[in-house]
Protein backbone atom coordinates (compact mmCIF):
# COMPACT_ATOMS: atom_id res chain seq x y z
CA UNK A 1 22.30 6.62 -14.29
CA UNK A 2 19.04 4.81 -14.96
CA UNK A 3 19.12 1.02 -14.74
CA UNK A 4 17.14 -1.62 -16.57
CA UNK A 5 15.05 -4.36 -15.03
CA UNK A 6 14.07 -7.96 -15.66
CA UNK A 7 10.72 -9.58 -14.94
CA UNK A 8 10.11 -13.22 -14.02
CA UNK A 9 6.67 -14.85 -13.84
CA UNK A 10 6.07 -17.99 -11.78
CA UNK A 11 2.58 -18.68 -13.11
CA UNK A 12 -0.12 -19.06 -10.49
CA UNK A 13 2.14 -17.72 -7.76
CA UNK A 14 4.07 -14.45 -8.27
CA UNK A 15 5.88 -12.00 -10.51
CA UNK A 16 9.37 -10.74 -9.60
CA UNK A 17 11.10 -7.58 -10.83
CA UNK A 18 14.90 -7.47 -10.58
CA UNK A 19 17.67 -5.06 -11.56
CA UNK A 20 19.32 -6.47 -14.66
CA UNK A 21 22.77 -7.89 -14.02
CA UNK A 22 22.79 -7.18 -10.29
CA UNK A 23 20.96 -10.13 -8.80
CA UNK A 24 18.83 -7.74 -6.71
CA UNK A 25 15.11 -8.53 -6.74
CA UNK A 26 13.31 -5.21 -6.13
CA UNK A 27 9.90 -6.71 -5.50
CA UNK A 28 7.88 -9.87 -5.59
CA UNK A 29 4.18 -9.43 -6.43
CA UNK A 30 2.41 -12.46 -4.95
CA UNK A 31 -1.10 -13.19 -6.25
CA UNK A 32 -1.78 -16.71 -5.03
CA UNK A 33 -4.57 -16.99 -2.44
CA UNK A 34 -3.48 -17.53 1.17
CA UNK A 35 -5.21 -18.21 4.52
CA UNK A 36 -8.95 -17.25 4.59
CA UNK A 37 -8.63 -15.69 8.08
CA UNK A 38 -6.04 -13.27 6.71
CA UNK A 39 -8.42 -11.91 4.01
CA UNK A 40 -6.55 -13.30 0.97
CA UNK A 41 -5.36 -10.64 -1.47
CA UNK A 42 -2.32 -9.98 -3.67
CA UNK A 43 0.62 -8.25 -1.99
CA UNK A 44 4.20 -7.15 -2.52
CA UNK A 45 6.84 -8.84 -0.36
CA UNK A 46 9.72 -8.69 -0.22
CA UNK A 47 10.21 -5.08 -1.28
CA UNK A 48 13.91 -4.13 -1.48
CA UNK A 49 16.19 -1.15 -1.93
CA UNK A 50 18.73 -1.06 -4.77
CA UNK A 51 21.34 -2.47 -2.38
CA UNK A 52 19.08 -5.45 -1.73
CA UNK A 53 17.86 -4.47 1.77
CA UNK A 54 14.34 -5.69 2.61
CA UNK A 55 11.93 -2.93 3.65
CA UNK A 56 8.72 -4.90 4.25
CA UNK A 57 7.51 -7.41 6.82
CA UNK A 58 5.41 -10.54 6.21
CA UNK A 59 2.95 -12.20 8.62
CA UNK A 60 4.45 -10.65 11.80
CA UNK A 61 3.37 -12.36 15.01
CA UNK A 62 1.34 -9.35 16.14
CA UNK A 63 -0.75 -9.17 12.92
CA UNK A 64 -0.47 -12.22 10.66
CA UNK A 65 -2.50 -10.45 7.95
CA UNK A 66 0.07 -7.68 7.52
CA UNK A 67 1.89 -8.59 4.29
CA UNK A 68 4.35 -6.13 2.86
CA UNK A 69 2.58 -3.59 0.67
CA UNK A 70 -1.03 -4.33 -0.26
CA UNK A 71 -4.37 -2.77 -1.09
CA UNK A 72 -6.77 -3.33 1.80
CA UNK A 73 -10.30 -2.46 2.92
CA UNK A 74 -10.68 -2.70 6.69
CA UNK A 75 -14.42 -1.89 6.74
CA UNK A 76 -16.45 -2.53 3.60
CA UNK A 77 -20.24 -2.43 4.07
CA UNK A 78 -19.96 -4.55 7.22
CA UNK A 79 -17.24 -6.84 5.85
CA UNK A 80 -13.51 -6.99 6.64
CA UNK A 81 -11.14 -7.22 3.67
CA UNK A 82 -8.23 -6.34 5.95
CA UNK A 83 -7.86 -9.65 7.76
CA UNK A 84 -7.97 -10.94 11.32
CA UNK A 85 -10.32 -9.63 13.97
CA UNK A 86 -12.97 -7.02 13.14
CA UNK A 87 -13.42 -3.82 15.14
CA UNK A 88 -16.93 -3.44 16.60
CA UNK A 89 -17.72 -0.21 18.42
CA UNK A 90 -18.21 -0.76 22.15
CA UNK A 91 -16.87 -4.32 22.00
CA UNK A 92 -13.38 -3.89 20.55
CA UNK A 93 -11.76 -6.38 18.16
CA UNK A 94 -13.72 -9.60 17.76
CA UNK A 95 -13.08 -12.86 15.91
CA UNK A 96 -15.86 -12.74 13.30
CA UNK A 97 -14.82 -15.06 10.46
CA UNK A 98 -18.19 -14.55 8.77
CA UNK A 99 -17.13 -10.97 8.06
CA UNK A 100 -13.69 -11.69 6.58
CA UNK A 101 -13.70 -11.36 2.80
CA UNK A 102 -11.09 -11.41 0.04
CA UNK A 103 -9.66 -9.76 -3.08
CA UNK A 104 -9.17 -12.31 -5.86
CA UNK A 105 -6.79 -12.22 -8.83
CA UNK A 106 -8.66 -12.72 -12.11
CA UNK A 107 -6.01 -12.14 -14.75
CA UNK A 108 -3.18 -10.01 -16.08
CA UNK A 109 -3.73 -7.75 -19.07
CA UNK A 110 -0.10 -6.68 -19.30
CA UNK A 111 3.16 -8.01 -17.91
CA UNK A 112 5.97 -6.15 -19.63
CA UNK A 113 9.43 -4.62 -19.40
CA UNK A 114 10.13 -1.41 -21.31
CA UNK A 115 11.81 2.01 -21.02
CA UNK A 116 14.02 0.80 -18.18
CA UNK A 117 11.04 -0.27 -16.04
CA UNK A 118 8.30 -2.84 -15.68
CA UNK A 119 4.51 -2.75 -15.82
CA UNK A 120 1.91 -5.14 -14.39
CA UNK A 121 -1.81 -4.58 -15.03
CA UNK A 122 -4.23 -6.87 -13.25
CA UNK A 123 -7.97 -7.52 -12.95
CA UNK A 124 -9.33 -8.37 -9.48
CA UNK A 125 -12.66 -8.87 -7.76
CA UNK A 126 -13.58 -7.94 -4.18
CA UNK A 127 -15.76 -10.35 -2.20
CA UNK A 128 -17.55 -10.58 1.14
CA UNK A 129 -17.17 -13.81 3.11
CA UNK A 130 -20.19 -15.28 1.27
CA UNK A 131 -18.41 -14.94 -2.07
CA UNK A 132 -20.49 -12.55 -4.17
CA UNK A 133 -18.73 -10.00 -6.37
CA UNK A 134 -19.06 -6.64 -4.61
CA UNK A 135 -16.47 -4.76 -6.64
CA UNK A 136 -14.14 -5.05 -9.60
CA UNK A 137 -10.67 -3.51 -9.54
CA UNK A 138 -8.34 -2.57 -12.37
CA UNK A 139 -4.83 -2.37 -10.89
CA UNK A 140 -1.55 -1.17 -12.36
CA UNK A 141 1.85 -1.57 -10.68
CA UNK A 142 4.84 0.09 -12.35
CA UNK A 143 8.55 0.01 -11.52
CA UNK A 144 10.48 3.00 -12.87
CA UNK A 145 13.21 5.58 -12.23
CA UNK A 146 15.74 2.96 -11.14
CA UNK A 147 18.60 5.32 -10.34
CA UNK A 148 21.95 4.12 -9.00
CA UNK A 149 23.18 7.71 -8.63
CA UNK A 150 20.59 8.52 -5.98
CA UNK A 151 20.32 4.95 -4.64
CA UNK A 152 16.58 4.93 -5.26
CA UNK A 153 13.81 3.59 -7.44
CA UNK A 154 10.08 4.19 -7.68
CA UNK A 155 6.90 2.15 -7.70
CA UNK A 156 3.61 3.64 -8.88
CA UNK A 157 0.40 1.87 -7.79
CA UNK A 158 -2.93 2.68 -9.46
CA UNK A 159 -6.29 1.20 -8.47
CA UNK A 160 -9.73 1.81 -9.98
CA UNK A 161 -12.44 0.11 -7.89
CA UNK A 162 -15.99 -0.11 -9.28
CA UNK A 163 -19.02 -0.94 -7.15
CA UNK A 164 -20.84 -3.95 -8.68
CA UNK A 165 -23.56 -4.16 -6.02
CA UNK A 166 -27.08 -2.88 -6.51
CA UNK A 167 -26.67 -0.70 -3.43
CA UNK A 168 -24.01 1.73 -2.22
CA UNK A 169 -20.65 0.32 -1.18
CA UNK A 170 -19.40 1.91 2.05
CA UNK A 171 -15.62 2.05 2.58
CA UNK A 172 -14.60 2.90 6.13
CA UNK A 173 -12.06 2.23 8.88
CA UNK A 174 -12.01 1.53 12.62
CA UNK A 175 -12.05 5.30 13.17
CA UNK A 176 -15.23 5.75 11.10
CA UNK A 177 -16.67 3.03 13.35
CA UNK A 178 -15.70 4.67 16.64
CA UNK A 179 -12.01 3.97 17.39
CA UNK A 180 -9.98 7.23 17.46
CA UNK A 181 -6.66 7.37 15.62
CA UNK A 182 -7.11 4.07 13.78
CA UNK A 183 -8.16 5.16 10.30
CA UNK A 184 -6.24 2.45 8.47
CA UNK A 185 -7.54 1.27 5.12
CA UNK A 186 -6.44 1.43 1.47
CA UNK A 187 -2.85 0.97 0.33
CA UNK A 188 -0.97 -0.22 3.43
CA UNK A 189 2.75 -0.75 4.12
CA UNK A 190 4.09 -2.76 7.04
CA UNK A 191 7.76 -2.15 7.71
CA UNK A 192 10.34 -4.59 9.13
CA UNK A 193 10.37 -5.02 12.90
CA UNK A 194 13.76 -3.25 13.02
CA UNK A 195 12.10 -0.08 11.67
CA UNK A 196 10.24 0.51 14.93
CA UNK A 197 10.82 4.05 16.25
CA UNK A 198 11.85 5.24 12.79
CA UNK A 199 11.72 8.86 11.63
CA UNK A 200 8.49 10.16 10.06
CA UNK A 201 8.65 13.25 7.84
CA UNK A 202 6.18 15.29 5.77
CA UNK A 203 6.68 18.59 3.93
CA UNK A 204 5.58 20.61 6.96
CA UNK A 205 5.69 18.22 9.89
CA UNK A 206 7.48 15.40 11.65
CA UNK A 207 6.72 12.48 13.94
CA UNK A 208 3.71 10.36 14.92
CA UNK A 209 1.57 13.49 15.34
CA UNK A 210 1.12 13.32 11.54
CA UNK A 211 -1.45 10.58 12.21
CA UNK A 212 -4.74 11.64 10.65
CA UNK A 213 -3.21 14.69 8.95
CA UNK A 214 -3.00 15.64 5.28
CA UNK A 215 0.14 16.16 3.19
CA UNK A 216 1.32 15.67 -0.39
CA UNK A 217 3.81 13.05 0.75
CA UNK A 218 4.95 11.23 3.88
CA UNK A 219 8.34 9.58 4.42
CA UNK A 220 9.50 6.89 6.82
CA UNK A 221 13.19 6.14 7.56
CA UNK A 222 14.30 3.08 9.51
CA UNK A 223 17.55 1.35 10.44
CA UNK A 224 18.20 -2.22 9.33
CA UNK A 225 18.99 -5.20 11.50
CA UNK A 226 21.81 -7.44 10.35
CA UNK A 227 23.46 -4.90 8.05
CA UNK A 228 24.64 -1.35 8.64
CA UNK A 229 22.60 1.56 7.39
CA UNK A 230 19.10 2.94 6.89
CA UNK A 231 16.41 3.02 4.23
CA UNK A 232 13.74 5.60 3.45
CA UNK A 233 10.33 5.05 1.88
CA UNK A 234 8.38 8.03 0.59
CA UNK A 235 4.65 7.68 -0.07
CA UNK A 236 3.26 10.25 -2.51
CA UNK A 237 -0.22 11.23 -3.68
CA UNK A 238 -0.64 11.76 -7.41
CA UNK A 239 -2.10 15.18 -8.35
CA UNK A 240 -5.41 13.72 -9.50
CA UNK A 241 -6.09 12.13 -6.11
CA UNK A 242 -7.14 15.61 -4.92
CA UNK A 243 -6.39 14.26 -1.45
CA UNK A 244 -7.38 17.43 0.40
CA UNK A 245 -10.91 17.30 -0.97
CA UNK A 246 -10.62 20.91 -2.13
CA UNK A 247 -11.86 20.00 -5.59
CA UNK A 248 -14.79 17.97 -4.34
CA UNK A 249 -13.12 14.56 -4.03
CA UNK A 250 -13.28 12.57 -0.80
CA UNK A 251 -10.26 13.73 1.28
CA UNK A 252 -7.42 11.40 2.31
CA UNK A 253 -5.47 11.45 5.56
CA UNK A 254 -2.27 9.68 6.57
CA UNK A 255 -2.30 6.67 8.84
CA UNK A 256 1.21 6.31 10.27
CA UNK A 257 2.83 4.58 13.23
CA UNK A 258 6.41 4.04 14.33
CA UNK A 259 5.45 2.20 17.52
CA UNK A 260 4.76 -0.61 18.30
CA UNK A 261 5.56 -1.19 14.61
CA UNK A 262 6.27 0.71 11.39
CA UNK A 263 3.24 1.29 9.17
CA UNK A 264 1.98 3.82 6.64
CA UNK A 265 -1.25 4.13 4.67
CA UNK A 266 -2.68 7.01 2.62
CA UNK A 267 -6.12 6.19 3.98
CA UNK A 268 -9.08 7.03 1.75
CA UNK A 269 -11.54 6.73 4.68
CA UNK A 270 -9.73 7.83 7.85
CA UNK A 271 -12.29 10.15 9.48
CA UNK A 272 -15.33 9.64 7.22
CA UNK A 273 -16.72 6.83 5.12
CA UNK A 274 -16.32 6.93 1.36
CA UNK A 275 -19.58 5.87 -0.28
CA UNK A 276 -19.62 4.49 -3.84
CA UNK A 277 -22.97 4.43 -5.61
CA UNK A 278 -23.82 1.39 -7.77
CA UNK A 279 -21.60 1.45 -10.84
CA UNK A 280 -19.42 4.28 -9.48
CA UNK A 281 -15.63 3.99 -9.63
CA UNK A 282 -13.06 5.18 -7.07
CA UNK A 283 -9.66 5.84 -8.69
CA UNK A 284 -6.48 6.40 -6.69
CA UNK A 285 -2.81 6.55 -7.71
CA UNK A 286 0.19 6.55 -5.38
CA UNK A 287 3.96 6.52 -5.70
CA UNK A 288 6.39 4.79 -3.35
CA UNK A 289 10.00 5.94 -3.56
CA UNK A 290 12.34 3.28 -2.13
CA UNK A 291 15.78 4.61 -1.19
CA UNK A 292 18.95 3.51 0.55
CA UNK A 293 19.96 5.81 3.40
CA UNK A 294 18.21 8.15 5.83
CA UNK A 295 17.01 10.99 3.59
CA UNK A 296 16.27 14.46 4.92
CA UNK A 297 13.34 16.65 3.91
CA UNK A 298 15.19 18.63 1.24
CA UNK A 299 16.53 15.53 -0.47
CA UNK A 300 13.10 13.89 -0.43
CA UNK A 301 11.38 16.97 -1.85
CA UNK A 302 13.97 17.31 -4.59
CA UNK A 303 13.65 13.70 -5.73
CA UNK A 304 9.85 13.64 -5.51
CA UNK A 305 9.66 16.86 -7.50
CA UNK A 306 11.99 15.55 -10.20
CA UNK A 307 9.72 12.63 -11.13
CA UNK A 308 6.80 13.35 -13.43
CA UNK A 309 3.46 11.57 -13.25
């Protein structure tokens, strides 16, 4: 039932994880720096289902800085580590290149294949446009639960971001800066253009009205161009994220759109800024279940519940 994977490293450019013997590349983790205007940062693209169907978009013409699945920071103490224009309250989106920063790859501590999966651990630094080190990140990306029987596999993304400034680091979003319903920041997925108008599901809700709401998981199903069929991606909070804030942690809310494009982010600063004191670390862990087919709520809940953290 569970498959094995292979890992290929093109040094200075990317790592690729593939299903052994199938020729299907599940993901490509690209860590080379790209265009400064797009806030250079590592990203995953393409991301594929077990049948080889691509479920991410790359540099779409509406937002060139949208690149597959990536960790972002749309508003960071006055800087933009998201890419492109910066939202300014009362003025809208402005071209302010002096505010566009970057997340830089510094090294890998582990690149391995074991137990039927793969693990990548990486050190990164976060920078404003002027280049100082504002934060250090320890990142872990794992591929696991490759399961031909269910037509699915899982990716777990962990990030621990430590403030290295001598003053608080303020993580926000366009909504924290005055634009309603635009709380995008954090781990962000951009779906293929064909996934527009896809189905959005959560344990107790459905549709675009889940924007800005809280839930343990959120799923997006879209239909492919070029080949028959659908795919479903399920984004899941780990238990320690305490995403409701009930245990004292900063609460998270879902950013999700199915028009004019497909996008999902478990935003860590949708309605309110998250403030990190000097030396303080923000730790978040998420799971992305990638599945062939249009899964319903019961099937999603069963598969999510069957995977341990």
